[in-house]
Amino acid sequence: MVTKLITEYFLDEHRTVHRSSTPGTGGRTVLDRLLDGITDEQIQEMPVGAANSIAWLLFHTTRVEDVIFNVLIAGNSQVFDQDDWQNRTAIERRDIGTGMNEGEVASLSANVNVQNLLNYRDAVGKKTVEIVGGSPTEFWEEYADTERLTDADMQGVATEMAPYILEQVWTTNTSNARFLWYATSHALGHFGEARETRRIVTGMGMA
């Protein structure tokens, strides 16, 4: 019963970090508000005083969700590797962005196809809902199988940071339920950063 409540709470929170156009979301979301009235160029901009562009923050949070839920949780391939998303988004690298330097962040931000990045995020969000909704409640009490992340260039985990992530963060003695955090609170934390970037590049707060 407790685990059922956790997954229901997750799905409610998950809706807020995706666009309302994502199937199953409904209503105006935090991401809708973040993107309201902003241009693609402003999404790509890296202003002085802000560590990351909104584009990079969208990239990072979406890649983390994709890898965690499709590879680690479901044992499947990433959404990134389906429907030609890598070419459509113009994202040349496969990692999740952890450990990228300022120049790498700037390059990704300048070259990414913003609309297809958002469409990729929609696709990842839809798949996450399917995975969580289709998993039995007892699954979330089991230990996560992090060995699924050790092949094919860590299945998207930042190469240089992979040993630390696997040994200290994404450990085998962690329950599957613990990883629900990466598609909700993790994203909301970075969207707080994006909110400040939005204020700098547009001069407007979030409605």
N, C-alpha and C. Protein backbone atom coordinates (compact mmCIF):
# COMPACT_ATOMS: atom_id res chain seq x y z
N MET A 1 0.83 -1.21 0.00
CA MET A 1 0.00 0.00 0.00
C MET A 1 0.86 1.26 0.00
N VAL A 2 1.92 1.25 0.83
CA VAL A 2 2.80 2.41 0.89
C VAL A 2 3.47 2.64 -0.46
N THR A 3 3.94 1.53 -1.08
CA THR A 3 4.61 1.65 -2.37
C THR A 3 3.64 2.15 -3.44
N LYS A 4 2.39 1.72 -3.39
CA LYS A 4 1.39 2.20 -4.34
C LYS A 4 1.21 3.71 -4.21
N LEU A 5 1.19 4.20 -2.99
CA LEU A 5 1.05 5.63 -2.75
C LEU A 5 2.27 6.39 -3.29
N ILE A 6 3.46 5.79 -3.14
CA ILE A 6 4.68 6.42 -3.65
C ILE A 6 4.61 6.58 -5.16
N THR A 7 4.19 5.55 -5.87
CA THR A 7 4.14 5.65 -7.33
C THR A 7 3.05 6.63 -7.78
N GLU A 8 1.94 6.66 -7.07
CA GLU A 8 0.88 7.62 -7.41
C GLU A 8 1.37 9.04 -7.19
N TYR A 9 2.08 9.25 -6.10
CA TYR A 9 2.65 10.57 -5.83
C TYR A 9 3.67 10.94 -6.90
N PHE A 10 4.49 9.95 -7.30
CA PHE A 10 5.47 10.20 -8.36
C PHE A 10 4.79 10.67 -9.64
N LEU A 11 3.76 9.99 -10.06
CA LEU A 11 3.09 10.35 -11.31
C LEU A 11 2.51 11.75 -11.25
N ASP A 12 1.99 12.14 -10.10
CA ASP A 12 1.47 13.50 -9.93
C ASP A 12 2.59 14.52 -10.06
N GLU A 13 3.73 14.25 -9.40
CA GLU A 13 4.88 15.16 -9.46
C GLU A 13 5.50 15.18 -10.85
N HIS A 14 5.55 14.03 -11.47
CA HIS A 14 6.18 13.91 -12.79
C HIS A 14 5.46 14.77 -13.82
N ARG A 15 4.16 14.89 -13.71
CA ARG A 15 3.39 15.70 -14.66
C ARG A 15 3.85 17.16 -14.66
N THR A 16 4.33 17.64 -13.51
CA THR A 16 4.67 19.06 -13.39
C THR A 16 5.96 19.42 -14.12
N VAL A 17 6.82 18.44 -14.40
CA VAL A 17 8.12 18.74 -15.02
C VAL A 17 8.13 18.43 -16.51
N HIS A 18 6.94 18.20 -17.07
CA HIS A 18 6.80 17.99 -18.51
C HIS A 18 5.74 18.95 -19.04
N ARG A 19 5.76 19.16 -20.33
CA ARG A 19 4.78 20.06 -20.93
C ARG A 19 3.38 19.46 -20.85
N SER A 20 2.40 20.32 -20.79
CA SER A 20 1.01 19.84 -20.74
C SER A 20 0.62 19.14 -22.02
N SER A 21 1.41 19.31 -23.09
CA SER A 21 1.14 18.61 -24.35
C SER A 21 1.54 17.15 -24.27
N THR A 22 2.33 16.77 -23.23
CA THR A 22 2.72 15.38 -23.05
C THR A 22 1.48 14.56 -22.67
N PRO A 23 1.23 13.45 -23.36
CA PRO A 23 0.04 12.64 -23.04
C PRO A 23 -0.01 12.28 -21.55
N GLY A 24 -1.18 12.47 -20.94
CA GLY A 24 -1.37 12.12 -19.55
C GLY A 24 -1.00 13.22 -18.58
N THR A 25 -0.52 14.35 -19.10
CA THR A 25 -0.09 15.42 -18.19
C THR A 25 -1.28 16.24 -17.73
N GLY A 26 -1.86 17.02 -18.63
CA GLY A 26 -3.06 17.79 -18.30
C GLY A 26 -2.77 18.97 -17.41
N GLY A 27 -3.38 20.13 -17.75
CA GLY A 27 -3.20 21.32 -16.94
C GLY A 27 -1.85 21.99 -17.19
N ARG A 28 -1.75 23.22 -16.74
CA ARG A 28 -0.53 24.01 -16.91
C ARG A 28 0.54 23.53 -15.93
N THR A 29 1.76 23.30 -16.44
CA THR A 29 2.82 22.70 -15.64
C THR A 29 3.94 23.69 -15.36
N VAL A 30 4.87 23.28 -14.50
CA VAL A 30 6.06 24.10 -14.22
C VAL A 30 6.85 24.34 -15.49
N LEU A 31 6.99 23.31 -16.32
CA LEU A 31 7.74 23.49 -17.56
C LEU A 31 7.02 24.42 -18.52
N ASP A 32 5.69 24.34 -18.59
CA ASP A 32 4.93 25.29 -19.40
C ASP A 32 5.24 26.73 -18.99
N ARG A 33 5.27 26.97 -17.71
CA ARG A 33 5.52 28.31 -17.19
C ARG A 33 6.95 28.75 -17.48
N LEU A 34 7.88 27.82 -17.41
CA LEU A 34 9.27 28.15 -17.70
C LEU A 34 9.46 28.56 -19.15
N LEU A 35 8.71 27.93 -20.05
CA LEU A 35 8.87 28.18 -21.48
C LEU A 35 7.95 29.27 -22.02
N ASP A 36 7.04 29.75 -21.21
CA ASP A 36 6.05 30.72 -21.66
C ASP A 36 6.71 32.03 -22.11
N GLY A 37 6.46 32.42 -23.36
CA GLY A 37 6.94 33.70 -23.87
C GLY A 37 8.43 33.78 -24.12
N ILE A 38 9.12 32.65 -24.23
CA ILE A 38 10.56 32.66 -24.42
C ILE A 38 10.90 32.11 -25.80
N THR A 39 11.91 32.66 -26.44
CA THR A 39 12.29 32.23 -27.78
C THR A 39 13.32 31.10 -27.72
N ASP A 40 13.51 30.43 -28.84
CA ASP A 40 14.53 29.39 -28.90
C ASP A 40 15.91 29.96 -28.60
N GLU A 41 16.16 31.15 -29.12
CA GLU A 41 17.46 31.78 -28.91
C GLU A 41 17.70 32.07 -27.43
N GLN A 42 16.67 32.48 -26.72
CA GLN A 42 16.81 32.74 -25.29
C GLN A 42 17.00 31.44 -24.51
N ILE A 43 16.37 30.38 -24.98
CA ILE A 43 16.56 29.08 -24.35
C ILE A 43 18.01 28.62 -24.51
N GLN A 44 18.63 28.98 -25.63
CA GLN A 44 20.01 28.58 -25.91
C GLN A 44 21.06 29.50 -25.27
N GLU A 45 20.64 30.66 -24.83
CA GLU A 45 21.59 31.67 -24.35
C GLU A 45 22.23 31.29 -23.02
N MET A 46 23.55 31.58 -22.92
CA MET A 46 24.28 31.39 -21.66
C MET A 46 24.68 32.76 -21.15
N PRO A 47 23.86 33.38 -20.32
CA PRO A 47 24.15 34.73 -19.87
C PRO A 47 25.22 34.78 -18.79
N VAL A 48 25.84 35.92 -18.66
CA VAL A 48 26.80 36.12 -17.57
C VAL A 48 26.04 36.03 -16.25
N GLY A 49 26.58 35.27 -15.33
CA GLY A 49 25.93 35.14 -14.03
C GLY A 49 25.06 33.92 -13.89
N ALA A 50 24.90 33.15 -14.99
CA ALA A 50 24.13 31.91 -14.93
C ALA A 50 25.03 30.77 -15.38
N ALA A 51 25.06 29.70 -14.62
CA ALA A 51 25.98 28.61 -14.90
C ALA A 51 25.62 27.85 -16.18
N ASN A 52 24.35 27.67 -16.43
CA ASN A 52 23.93 26.85 -17.57
C ASN A 52 22.77 27.50 -18.32
N SER A 53 22.69 27.21 -19.61
CA SER A 53 21.55 27.67 -20.40
C SER A 53 20.33 26.82 -20.06
N ILE A 54 19.16 27.32 -20.41
CA ILE A 54 17.94 26.54 -20.23
C ILE A 54 18.00 25.30 -21.12
N ALA A 55 18.58 25.44 -22.31
CA ALA A 55 18.71 24.29 -23.22
C ALA A 55 19.51 23.17 -22.57
N TRP A 56 20.63 23.54 -21.93
CA TRP A 56 21.45 22.50 -21.30
C TRP A 56 20.70 21.84 -20.15
N LEU A 57 19.98 22.63 -19.37
CA LEU A 57 19.24 22.07 -18.25
C LEU A 57 18.14 21.13 -18.72
N LEU A 58 17.50 21.45 -19.84
CA LEU A 58 16.51 20.56 -20.42
C LEU A 58 17.18 19.28 -20.93
N PHE A 59 18.31 19.44 -21.59
CA PHE A 59 19.08 18.29 -22.08
C PHE A 59 19.45 17.36 -20.92
N HIS A 60 20.05 17.92 -19.88
CA HIS A 60 20.54 17.11 -18.77
C HIS A 60 19.42 16.38 -18.04
N THR A 61 18.36 17.07 -17.69
CA THR A 61 17.27 16.44 -16.95
C THR A 61 16.58 15.37 -17.79
N THR A 62 16.48 15.60 -19.09
CA THR A 62 15.83 14.63 -19.96
C THR A 62 16.70 13.40 -20.16
N ARG A 63 18.00 13.60 -20.35
CA ARG A 63 18.90 12.46 -20.53
C ARG A 63 18.94 11.61 -19.26
N VAL A 64 18.97 12.24 -18.10
CA VAL A 64 18.97 11.48 -16.85
C VAL A 64 17.70 10.63 -16.74
N GLU A 65 16.56 11.23 -17.01
CA GLU A 65 15.30 10.49 -16.93
C GLU A 65 15.29 9.34 -17.93
N ASP A 66 15.77 9.59 -19.14
CA ASP A 66 15.79 8.56 -20.18
C ASP A 66 16.64 7.37 -19.75
N VAL A 67 17.85 7.64 -19.30
CA VAL A 67 18.77 6.56 -18.90
C VAL A 67 18.25 5.79 -17.69
N ILE A 68 17.81 6.52 -16.67
CA ILE A 68 17.34 5.87 -15.44
C ILE A 68 16.16 4.95 -15.70
N PHE A 69 15.14 5.46 -16.38
CA PHE A 69 13.90 4.70 -16.50
C PHE A 69 13.93 3.65 -17.61
N ASN A 70 14.54 3.97 -18.73
CA ASN A 70 14.52 3.01 -19.83
C ASN A 70 15.61 1.95 -19.73
N VAL A 71 16.78 2.31 -19.24
CA VAL A 71 17.87 1.34 -19.13
C VAL A 71 17.88 0.68 -17.76
N LEU A 72 18.04 1.48 -16.70
CA LEU A 72 18.20 0.91 -15.36
C LEU A 72 16.91 0.27 -14.84
N ILE A 73 15.79 0.96 -14.97
CA ILE A 73 14.53 0.45 -14.43
C ILE A 73 13.92 -0.62 -15.34
N ALA A 74 13.77 -0.31 -16.64
CA ALA A 74 13.06 -1.22 -17.55
C ALA A 74 13.96 -2.21 -18.26
N GLY A 75 15.28 -1.94 -18.30
CA GLY A 75 16.19 -2.85 -18.99
C GLY A 75 16.05 -2.80 -20.50
N ASN A 76 15.63 -1.66 -21.02
CA ASN A 76 15.43 -1.48 -22.46
C ASN A 76 16.45 -0.50 -23.02
N SER A 77 16.32 -0.18 -24.30
CA SER A 77 17.17 0.84 -24.91
C SER A 77 16.63 2.22 -24.57
N GLN A 78 17.48 3.22 -24.68
CA GLN A 78 17.07 4.59 -24.42
C GLN A 78 16.12 5.09 -25.50
N VAL A 79 15.23 6.00 -25.13
CA VAL A 79 14.41 6.70 -26.12
C VAL A 79 15.33 7.46 -27.09
N PHE A 80 16.45 7.96 -26.58
CA PHE A 80 17.43 8.70 -27.38
C PHE A 80 17.89 7.91 -28.59
N ASP A 81 17.90 6.58 -28.48
CA ASP A 81 18.36 5.72 -29.56
C ASP A 81 17.22 5.26 -30.47
N GLN A 82 16.04 5.78 -30.24
CA GLN A 82 14.88 5.43 -31.06
C GLN A 82 14.43 6.65 -31.85
N ASP A 83 13.83 6.43 -32.99
CA ASP A 83 13.24 7.50 -33.80
C ASP A 83 14.23 8.61 -34.15
N ASP A 84 15.53 8.27 -34.22
CA ASP A 84 16.56 9.20 -34.69
C ASP A 84 16.66 10.47 -33.86
N TRP A 85 16.41 10.38 -32.54
CA TRP A 85 16.42 11.58 -31.70
C TRP A 85 17.80 12.24 -31.64
N GLN A 86 18.86 11.46 -31.71
CA GLN A 86 20.18 12.08 -31.62
C GLN A 86 20.41 13.03 -32.79
N ASN A 87 20.06 12.61 -33.98
CA ASN A 87 20.21 13.50 -35.14
C ASN A 87 19.18 14.62 -35.12
N ARG A 88 17.98 14.32 -34.71
CA ARG A 88 16.93 15.34 -34.72
C ARG A 88 17.20 16.46 -33.73
N THR A 89 17.81 16.12 -32.61
CA THR A 89 18.13 17.15 -31.62
C THR A 89 19.48 17.82 -31.89
N ALA A 90 20.29 17.21 -32.78
CA ALA A 90 21.64 17.70 -33.07
C ALA A 90 22.53 17.66 -31.83
N ILE A 91 22.30 16.67 -30.98
CA ILE A 91 23.15 16.43 -29.80
C ILE A 91 24.15 15.35 -30.17
N GLU A 92 25.41 15.71 -30.29
CA GLU A 92 26.42 14.77 -30.77
C GLU A 92 26.86 13.78 -29.70
N ARG A 93 26.78 14.15 -28.44
CA ARG A 93 27.29 13.30 -27.37
C ARG A 93 26.20 12.46 -26.76
N ARG A 94 26.61 11.33 -26.14
CA ARG A 94 25.63 10.39 -25.59
C ARG A 94 25.52 10.48 -24.07
N ASP A 95 26.41 11.19 -23.41
CA ASP A 95 26.38 11.20 -21.95
C ASP A 95 25.25 12.09 -21.42
N ILE A 96 25.10 12.09 -20.11
CA ILE A 96 24.01 12.85 -19.49
C ILE A 96 24.40 14.28 -19.13
N GLY A 97 25.65 14.63 -19.39
CA GLY A 97 26.08 16.01 -19.18
C GLY A 97 26.81 16.26 -17.88
N THR A 98 26.77 15.31 -16.95
CA THR A 98 27.47 15.48 -15.68
C THR A 98 28.97 15.64 -15.92
N GLY A 99 29.56 16.70 -15.40
CA GLY A 99 30.98 16.93 -15.57
C GLY A 99 31.37 17.72 -16.80
N MET A 100 30.40 18.16 -17.60
CA MET A 100 30.73 18.97 -18.77
C MET A 100 31.29 20.31 -18.34
N ASN A 101 32.29 20.81 -19.10
CA ASN A 101 32.84 22.13 -18.79
C ASN A 101 32.05 23.22 -19.49
N GLU A 102 32.39 24.47 -19.21
CA GLU A 102 31.62 25.60 -19.74
C GLU A 102 31.61 25.63 -21.26
N GLY A 103 32.76 25.31 -21.86
CA GLY A 103 32.82 25.31 -23.32
C GLY A 103 31.93 24.25 -23.93
N GLU A 104 31.87 23.09 -23.31
CA GLU A 104 31.02 22.02 -23.81
C GLU A 104 29.55 22.37 -23.65
N VAL A 105 29.21 22.99 -22.53
CA VAL A 105 27.83 23.44 -22.32
C VAL A 105 27.44 24.48 -23.36
N ALA A 106 28.35 25.41 -23.64
CA ALA A 106 28.09 26.46 -24.62
C ALA A 106 27.90 25.89 -26.01
N SER A 107 28.73 24.91 -26.38
CA SER A 107 28.63 24.29 -27.70
C SER A 107 27.32 23.54 -27.87
N LEU A 108 26.96 22.75 -26.88
CA LEU A 108 25.69 22.02 -26.97
C LEU A 108 24.52 22.98 -27.05
N SER A 109 24.56 24.04 -26.24
CA SER A 109 23.46 25.01 -26.20
C SER A 109 23.29 25.71 -27.54
N ALA A 110 24.40 26.05 -28.17
CA ALA A 110 24.35 26.79 -29.43
C ALA A 110 23.86 25.94 -30.59
N ASN A 111 24.12 24.63 -30.54
CA ASN A 111 23.85 23.78 -31.69
C ASN A 111 22.59 22.93 -31.58
N VAL A 112 22.03 22.81 -30.39
CA VAL A 112 20.88 21.94 -30.22
C VAL A 112 19.65 22.49 -30.95
N ASN A 113 18.86 21.59 -31.49
CA ASN A 113 17.58 21.95 -32.08
C ASN A 113 16.56 22.01 -30.93
N VAL A 114 16.18 23.20 -30.54
CA VAL A 114 15.39 23.39 -29.33
C VAL A 114 14.03 22.69 -29.42
N GLN A 115 13.35 22.85 -30.53
CA GLN A 115 12.01 22.26 -30.63
C GLN A 115 12.06 20.74 -30.60
N ASN A 116 13.07 20.17 -31.23
CA ASN A 116 13.18 18.71 -31.18
C ASN A 116 13.69 18.23 -29.82
N LEU A 117 14.46 19.06 -29.12
CA LEU A 117 14.83 18.73 -27.74
C LEU A 117 13.58 18.64 -26.87
N LEU A 118 12.66 19.58 -27.06
CA LEU A 118 11.41 19.55 -26.30
C LEU A 118 10.55 18.36 -26.71
N ASN A 119 10.55 18.03 -27.99
CA ASN A 119 9.79 16.87 -28.45
C ASN A 119 10.39 15.57 -27.89
N TYR A 120 11.71 15.53 -27.81
CA TYR A 120 12.39 14.38 -27.20
C TYR A 120 12.01 14.27 -25.73
N ARG A 121 11.96 15.40 -25.04
CA ARG A 121 11.53 15.37 -23.63
C ARG A 121 10.10 14.85 -23.51
N ASP A 122 9.22 15.26 -24.40
CA ASP A 122 7.86 14.74 -24.40
C ASP A 122 7.86 13.22 -24.52
N ALA A 123 8.67 12.71 -25.45
CA ALA A 123 8.72 11.26 -25.70
C ALA A 123 9.25 10.51 -24.48
N VAL A 124 10.25 11.07 -23.82
CA VAL A 124 10.81 10.45 -22.62
C VAL A 124 9.77 10.44 -21.51
N GLY A 125 9.09 11.56 -21.32
CA GLY A 125 8.07 11.64 -20.28
C GLY A 125 6.95 10.64 -20.49
N LYS A 126 6.52 10.49 -21.73
CA LYS A 126 5.46 9.52 -22.05
C LYS A 126 5.91 8.11 -21.71
N LYS A 127 7.15 7.79 -22.07
CA LYS A 127 7.66 6.44 -21.82
C LYS A 127 7.80 6.17 -20.32
N THR A 128 8.23 7.17 -19.57
CA THR A 128 8.36 7.01 -18.12
C THR A 128 7.02 6.67 -17.49
N VAL A 129 5.98 7.35 -17.90
CA VAL A 129 4.63 7.08 -17.37
C VAL A 129 4.23 5.64 -17.68
N GLU A 130 4.54 5.18 -18.89
CA GLU A 130 4.20 3.80 -19.27
C GLU A 130 4.95 2.79 -18.39
N ILE A 131 6.24 3.07 -18.14
CA ILE A 131 7.06 2.14 -17.34
C ILE A 131 6.58 2.09 -15.90
N VAL A 132 6.37 3.26 -15.30
CA VAL A 132 5.95 3.31 -13.90
C VAL A 132 4.54 2.74 -13.74
N GLY A 133 3.66 3.13 -14.63
CA GLY A 133 2.28 2.65 -14.54
C GLY A 133 2.16 1.15 -14.78
N GLY A 134 3.10 0.59 -15.53
CA GLY A 134 3.03 -0.83 -15.87
C GLY A 134 3.84 -1.74 -14.97
N SER A 135 4.50 -1.19 -13.96
CA SER A 135 5.32 -2.00 -13.06
C SER A 135 4.54 -2.37 -11.81
N PRO A 136 4.65 -3.63 -11.36
CA PRO A 136 3.94 -4.04 -10.13
C PRO A 136 4.50 -3.30 -8.92
N THR A 137 3.70 -3.10 -7.91
CA THR A 137 4.13 -2.32 -6.75
C THR A 137 5.34 -2.92 -6.06
N GLU A 138 5.45 -4.26 -6.04
CA GLU A 138 6.59 -4.89 -5.37
C GLU A 138 7.92 -4.60 -6.08
N PHE A 139 7.85 -4.26 -7.36
CA PHE A 139 9.08 -3.96 -8.12
C PHE A 139 9.85 -2.81 -7.49
N TRP A 140 9.16 -1.84 -6.94
CA TRP A 140 9.81 -0.64 -6.42
C TRP A 140 10.52 -0.90 -5.10
N GLU A 141 10.23 -2.04 -4.47
CA GLU A 141 10.91 -2.40 -3.23
C GLU A 141 12.19 -3.20 -3.49
N GLU A 142 12.36 -3.67 -4.73
CA GLU A 142 13.53 -4.47 -5.07
C GLU A 142 14.75 -3.58 -5.31
N TYR A 143 15.94 -4.19 -5.21
CA TYR A 143 17.17 -3.46 -5.49
C TYR A 143 17.30 -3.22 -6.98
N ALA A 144 17.80 -2.04 -7.33
CA ALA A 144 18.02 -1.69 -8.73
C ALA A 144 19.21 -2.48 -9.28
N ASP A 145 19.13 -2.83 -10.55
CA ASP A 145 20.19 -3.57 -11.21
C ASP A 145 21.09 -2.60 -11.97
N THR A 146 22.05 -2.01 -11.27
CA THR A 146 22.90 -0.99 -11.91
C THR A 146 23.88 -1.59 -12.91
N GLU A 147 24.01 -2.90 -12.95
CA GLU A 147 24.88 -3.52 -13.96
C GLU A 147 24.35 -3.29 -15.37
N ARG A 148 23.10 -2.93 -15.48
CA ARG A 148 22.55 -2.60 -16.79
C ARG A 148 23.19 -1.35 -17.39
N LEU A 149 23.85 -0.57 -16.55
CA LEU A 149 24.45 0.68 -17.01
C LEU A 149 25.93 0.55 -17.35
N THR A 150 26.44 -0.66 -17.41
CA THR A 150 27.88 -0.82 -17.58
C THR A 150 28.31 -1.11 -19.01
N ASP A 151 27.39 -1.25 -19.93
CA ASP A 151 27.78 -1.54 -21.31
C ASP A 151 27.39 -0.38 -22.22
N ALA A 152 27.85 -0.46 -23.47
CA ALA A 152 27.52 0.54 -24.50
C ALA A 152 27.77 1.96 -24.02
N ASP A 153 29.03 2.21 -23.65
CA ASP A 153 29.42 3.55 -23.18
C ASP A 153 28.56 3.98 -22.01
N MET A 154 28.35 3.06 -21.09
CA MET A 154 27.58 3.30 -19.87
C MET A 154 26.14 3.67 -20.17
N GLN A 155 25.67 3.35 -21.35
CA GLN A 155 24.30 3.65 -21.75
C GLN A 155 23.95 5.12 -21.51
N GLY A 156 24.90 6.02 -21.75
CA GLY A 156 24.60 7.44 -21.65
C GLY A 156 25.13 8.11 -20.41
N VAL A 157 25.71 7.37 -19.46
CA VAL A 157 26.27 8.00 -18.28
C VAL A 157 27.57 8.69 -18.66
N ALA A 158 27.77 9.91 -18.14
CA ALA A 158 28.97 10.67 -18.47
C ALA A 158 30.22 9.82 -18.24
N THR A 159 31.03 9.66 -19.28
CA THR A 159 32.14 8.73 -19.24
C THR A 159 33.10 8.99 -18.08
N GLU A 160 33.54 10.21 -17.91
CA GLU A 160 34.52 10.51 -16.87
C GLU A 160 33.95 10.38 -15.47
N MET A 161 32.66 10.60 -15.32
CA MET A 161 32.02 10.55 -14.01
C MET A 161 31.41 9.18 -13.71
N ALA A 162 31.41 8.28 -14.68
CA ALA A 162 30.71 7.01 -14.53
C ALA A 162 31.14 6.20 -13.31
N PRO A 163 32.44 6.02 -13.06
CA PRO A 163 32.80 5.23 -11.87
C PRO A 163 32.25 5.82 -10.58
N TYR A 164 32.33 7.14 -10.43
CA TYR A 164 31.81 7.78 -9.22
C TYR A 164 30.30 7.62 -9.13
N ILE A 165 29.62 7.84 -10.24
CA ILE A 165 28.15 7.75 -10.24
C ILE A 165 27.70 6.34 -9.85
N LEU A 166 28.33 5.34 -10.46
CA LEU A 166 27.91 3.96 -10.21
C LEU A 166 28.28 3.49 -8.81
N GLU A 167 29.44 3.91 -8.31
CA GLU A 167 29.90 3.42 -7.01
C GLU A 167 29.33 4.22 -5.83
N GLN A 168 29.09 5.52 -6.04
CA GLN A 168 28.69 6.37 -4.92
C GLN A 168 27.24 6.86 -4.99
N VAL A 169 26.68 6.92 -6.18
CA VAL A 169 25.34 7.50 -6.34
C VAL A 169 24.32 6.45 -6.77
N TRP A 170 24.55 5.82 -7.91
CA TRP A 170 23.62 4.82 -8.42
C TRP A 170 24.09 3.44 -8.00
N THR A 171 23.97 3.10 -6.75
CA THR A 171 24.55 1.87 -6.21
C THR A 171 23.57 0.70 -6.24
N THR A 172 24.13 -0.51 -6.21
CA THR A 172 23.31 -1.70 -6.31
C THR A 172 22.48 -1.97 -5.06
N ASN A 173 22.80 -1.32 -3.95
CA ASN A 173 22.00 -1.53 -2.74
C ASN A 173 20.95 -0.43 -2.57
N THR A 174 20.53 0.12 -3.69
CA THR A 174 19.49 1.15 -3.70
C THR A 174 18.22 0.56 -4.32
N SER A 175 17.08 0.82 -3.70
CA SER A 175 15.83 0.30 -4.24
C SER A 175 15.45 1.02 -5.51
N ASN A 176 14.64 0.34 -6.33
CA ASN A 176 14.14 0.97 -7.55
C ASN A 176 13.37 2.25 -7.23
N ALA A 177 12.65 2.26 -6.11
CA ALA A 177 11.86 3.44 -5.74
C ALA A 177 12.73 4.67 -5.55
N ARG A 178 13.96 4.48 -5.09
CA ARG A 178 14.87 5.61 -4.87
C ARG A 178 15.14 6.36 -6.17
N PHE A 179 15.08 5.68 -7.29
CA PHE A 179 15.40 6.29 -8.57
C PHE A 179 14.25 7.11 -9.15
N LEU A 180 13.07 7.02 -8.53
CA LEU A 180 11.96 7.86 -8.97
C LEU A 180 12.31 9.34 -8.81
N TRP A 181 13.15 9.63 -7.85
CA TRP A 181 13.57 11.00 -7.55
C TRP A 181 14.17 11.70 -8.76
N TYR A 182 14.84 10.93 -9.63
CA TYR A 182 15.58 11.54 -10.74
C TYR A 182 14.69 12.12 -11.83
N ALA A 183 13.42 11.79 -11.83
CA ALA A 183 12.52 12.37 -12.82
C ALA A 183 11.59 13.41 -12.22
N THR A 184 11.75 13.69 -10.92
CA THR A 184 10.88 14.66 -10.26
C THR A 184 11.70 15.73 -9.55
N SER A 185 12.18 15.44 -8.35
CA SER A 185 12.92 16.43 -7.57
C SER A 185 14.20 16.88 -8.27
N HIS A 186 14.89 15.95 -8.91
CA HIS A 186 16.10 16.31 -9.65
C HIS A 186 15.78 17.34 -10.72
N ALA A 187 14.71 17.09 -11.49
CA ALA A 187 14.32 18.03 -12.53
C ALA A 187 13.85 19.36 -11.95
N LEU A 188 13.06 19.31 -10.89
CA LEU A 188 12.56 20.54 -10.28
C LEU A 188 13.71 21.40 -9.74
N GLY A 189 14.74 20.76 -9.20
CA GLY A 189 15.90 21.50 -8.72
C GLY A 189 16.58 22.25 -9.85
N HIS A 190 16.77 21.59 -10.97
CA HIS A 190 17.40 22.24 -12.12
C HIS A 190 16.49 23.28 -12.76
N PHE A 191 15.18 23.07 -12.68
CA PHE A 191 14.25 24.07 -13.21
C PHE A 191 14.27 25.34 -12.37
N GLY A 192 14.62 25.20 -11.09
CA GLY A 192 14.83 26.39 -10.27
C GLY A 192 16.00 27.20 -10.80
N GLU A 193 17.05 26.52 -11.21
CA GLU A 193 18.19 27.18 -11.85
C GLU A 193 17.77 27.81 -13.17
N ALA A 194 16.95 27.08 -13.93
CA ALA A 194 16.47 27.59 -15.22
C ALA A 194 15.60 28.83 -15.05
N ARG A 195 14.88 28.88 -13.96
CA ARG A 195 14.04 30.05 -13.68
C ARG A 195 14.89 31.31 -13.55
N GLU A 196 16.04 31.19 -12.88
CA GLU A 196 16.93 32.33 -12.75
C GLU A 196 17.54 32.71 -14.10
N THR A 197 17.91 31.72 -14.89
CA THR A 197 18.43 32.00 -16.23
C THR A 197 17.36 32.69 -17.07
N ARG A 198 16.13 32.25 -16.97
CA ARG A 198 15.03 32.89 -17.70
C ARG A 198 14.90 34.36 -17.31
N ARG A 199 15.00 34.63 -16.01
CA ARG A 199 14.88 36.02 -15.55
C ARG A 199 15.97 36.89 -16.16
N ILE A 200 17.17 36.33 -16.27
CA ILE A 200 18.31 37.11 -16.80
C ILE A 200 18.14 37.35 -18.30
N VAL A 201 17.76 36.33 -19.07
CA VAL A 201 17.73 36.47 -20.52
C VAL A 201 16.48 37.15 -21.04
N THR A 202 15.40 37.13 -20.26
CA THR A 202 14.15 37.74 -20.74
C THR A 202 13.75 38.97 -19.94
N GLY A 203 14.29 39.12 -18.72
CA GLY A 203 13.85 40.19 -17.85
C GLY A 203 12.50 39.92 -17.22
N MET A 204 12.01 38.69 -17.37
CA MET A 204 10.70 38.33 -16.84
C MET A 204 10.80 37.13 -15.94
N GLY A 205 9.97 37.10 -14.91
CA GLY A 205 9.88 35.92 -14.06
C GLY A 205 8.89 34.93 -14.66
N MET A 206 8.58 33.89 -13.92
CA MET A 206 7.60 32.91 -14.35
C MET A 206 6.21 33.31 -13.87
N ALA A 207 5.24 33.22 -14.76
CA ALA A 207 3.86 33.57 -14.41
C ALA A 207 3.26 32.52 -13.50
